[in-house]
Amino acid sequence: MEPVSTPQTPPLKHSRAGIASVIVPISFIAFSSLLMRFGIIALDIGAVFVVFLGIFGGVPLGFILAIIGLVQKNKKKDFAIIGFILNGVALLFAIWIWVG
């Protein structure tokens, strides 16, 4: 009697949208930190530019990519969850720049 073999499912891959949702807020925070380091954000127009770029550009894009990564079937959700959290941090960072 031969053993019955069960079909093997391939290992899940990471969602590309989830990976991108991690890259977007990290690049925004790094870019903003460099601008702050060199004093460019100290000018009012620099702060407005960074906040506008973050709140109306990168953060919504990052949230959308994270949500896409979370709803994809047969994909790992790790990067999408991390991206969702990092986009929240980037949003708070942009608000901090704007208020501070």
Protein backbone atom coordinates (compact mmCIF):
# COMPACT_ATOMS: atom_id res chain seq x y z
CA MET A 1 0.00 0.00 0.00
CA GLU A 2 1.44 3.36 -1.06
CA PRO A 3 1.15 6.45 1.11
CA VAL A 4 -1.36 9.00 -0.06
CA SER A 5 0.33 12.25 -1.02
CA THR A 6 -1.41 15.50 -0.29
CA PRO A 7 -1.02 18.30 -2.80
CA GLN A 8 1.58 20.82 -1.74
CA THR A 9 0.60 24.47 -1.85
CA PRO A 10 3.35 26.80 -2.99
CA PRO A 11 4.65 29.21 -0.38
CA LEU A 12 2.97 32.60 -0.31
CA LYS A 13 4.81 35.53 -1.86
CA HIS A 14 4.93 39.05 -0.52
CA SER A 15 2.56 41.53 -2.08
CA ARG A 16 4.32 44.05 -4.33
CA ALA A 17 1.80 46.69 -3.32
CA GLY A 18 2.63 45.96 0.33
CA ILE A 19 6.34 46.37 -0.30
CA ALA A 20 5.71 49.65 -2.13
CA SER A 21 3.53 50.85 0.75
CA VAL A 22 6.56 50.47 3.04
CA ILE A 23 8.93 52.28 0.67
CA VAL A 24 6.70 55.36 0.21
CA PRO A 25 6.59 56.59 3.84
CA ILE A 26 10.23 55.70 4.49
CA SER A 27 11.31 57.80 1.52
CA PHE A 28 9.01 60.66 2.61
CA ILE A 29 10.38 60.68 6.15
CA ALA A 30 13.98 60.41 4.89
CA PHE A 31 13.45 63.24 2.38
CA SER A 32 11.81 65.45 5.01
CA SER A 33 14.55 64.71 7.53
CA LEU A 34 17.23 65.68 5.02
CA LEU A 35 15.43 68.92 4.29
CA MET A 36 15.12 69.62 8.01
CA ARG A 37 18.79 68.79 8.53
CA PHE A 38 19.92 71.32 5.95
CA GLY A 39 17.51 73.99 7.17
CA ILE A 40 15.35 74.11 4.06
CA ILE A 41 12.16 73.37 5.98
CA ALA A 42 12.90 76.28 8.31
CA LEU A 43 11.58 78.51 5.55
CA ASP A 44 7.80 78.65 5.46
CA ILE A 45 7.61 77.72 1.79
CA GLY A 46 9.75 74.61 2.38
CA ALA A 47 7.48 73.40 5.17
CA VAL A 48 4.39 73.99 3.06
CA PHE A 49 5.96 72.05 0.19
CA VAL A 50 6.86 69.07 2.36
CA VAL A 51 3.46 68.98 4.05
CA PHE A 52 1.69 69.30 0.70
CA LEU A 53 3.85 66.55 -0.76
CA GLY A 54 3.27 64.27 2.21
CA ILE A 55 -0.40 64.79 2.94
CA PHE A 56 -1.65 65.07 -0.63
CA GLY A 57 0.90 62.90 -2.42
CA GLY A 58 2.83 60.21 -0.63
CA VAL A 59 0.67 59.34 2.34
CA PRO A 60 -2.58 58.69 0.42
CA LEU A 61 -0.64 56.70 -2.16
CA GLY A 62 0.98 54.67 0.61
CA PHE A 63 -2.38 54.01 2.29
CA ILE A 64 -3.93 52.93 -1.01
CA LEU A 65 -1.03 50.58 -1.71
CA ALA A 66 -1.28 49.15 1.81
CA ILE A 67 -5.00 48.51 1.43
CA ILE A 68 -4.42 46.86 -1.94
CA GLY A 69 -1.76 44.67 -0.32
CA LEU A 70 -4.12 43.75 2.51
CA VAL A 71 -6.99 42.65 0.26
CA GLN A 72 -4.92 40.57 -2.16
CA LYS A 73 -5.56 36.87 -1.85
CA ASN A 74 -2.77 34.30 -1.72
CA LYS A 75 -0.20 36.91 -0.68
CA LYS A 76 1.58 37.58 2.58
CA LYS A 77 0.22 40.59 4.46
CA ASP A 78 3.31 41.49 6.51
CA PHE A 79 4.58 44.38 4.39
CA ALA A 80 1.06 45.75 3.87
CA ILE A 81 0.48 45.93 7.64
CA ILE A 82 3.87 47.54 8.22
CA GLY A 83 3.21 49.97 5.35
CA PHE A 84 -0.17 50.94 6.80
CA ILE A 85 1.44 51.70 10.17
CA LEU A 86 4.36 53.60 8.61
CA ASN A 87 1.99 55.71 6.53
CA GLY A 88 0.20 56.69 9.73
CA VAL A 89 3.56 57.69 11.21
CA ALA A 90 4.40 59.67 8.06
CA LEU A 91 1.05 61.46 8.28
CA LEU A 92 1.75 62.39 11.90
CA PHE A 93 5.26 63.51 10.88
CA ALA A 94 3.83 65.77 8.16
CA ILE A 95 1.32 67.26 10.60
CA TRP A 96 4.12 67.79 13.13
CA ILE A 97 6.15 69.69 10.52
CA TRP A 98 3.12 71.79 9.64
CA VAL A 99 2.20 72.65 13.24
CA GLY A 100 5.71 72.82 14.65
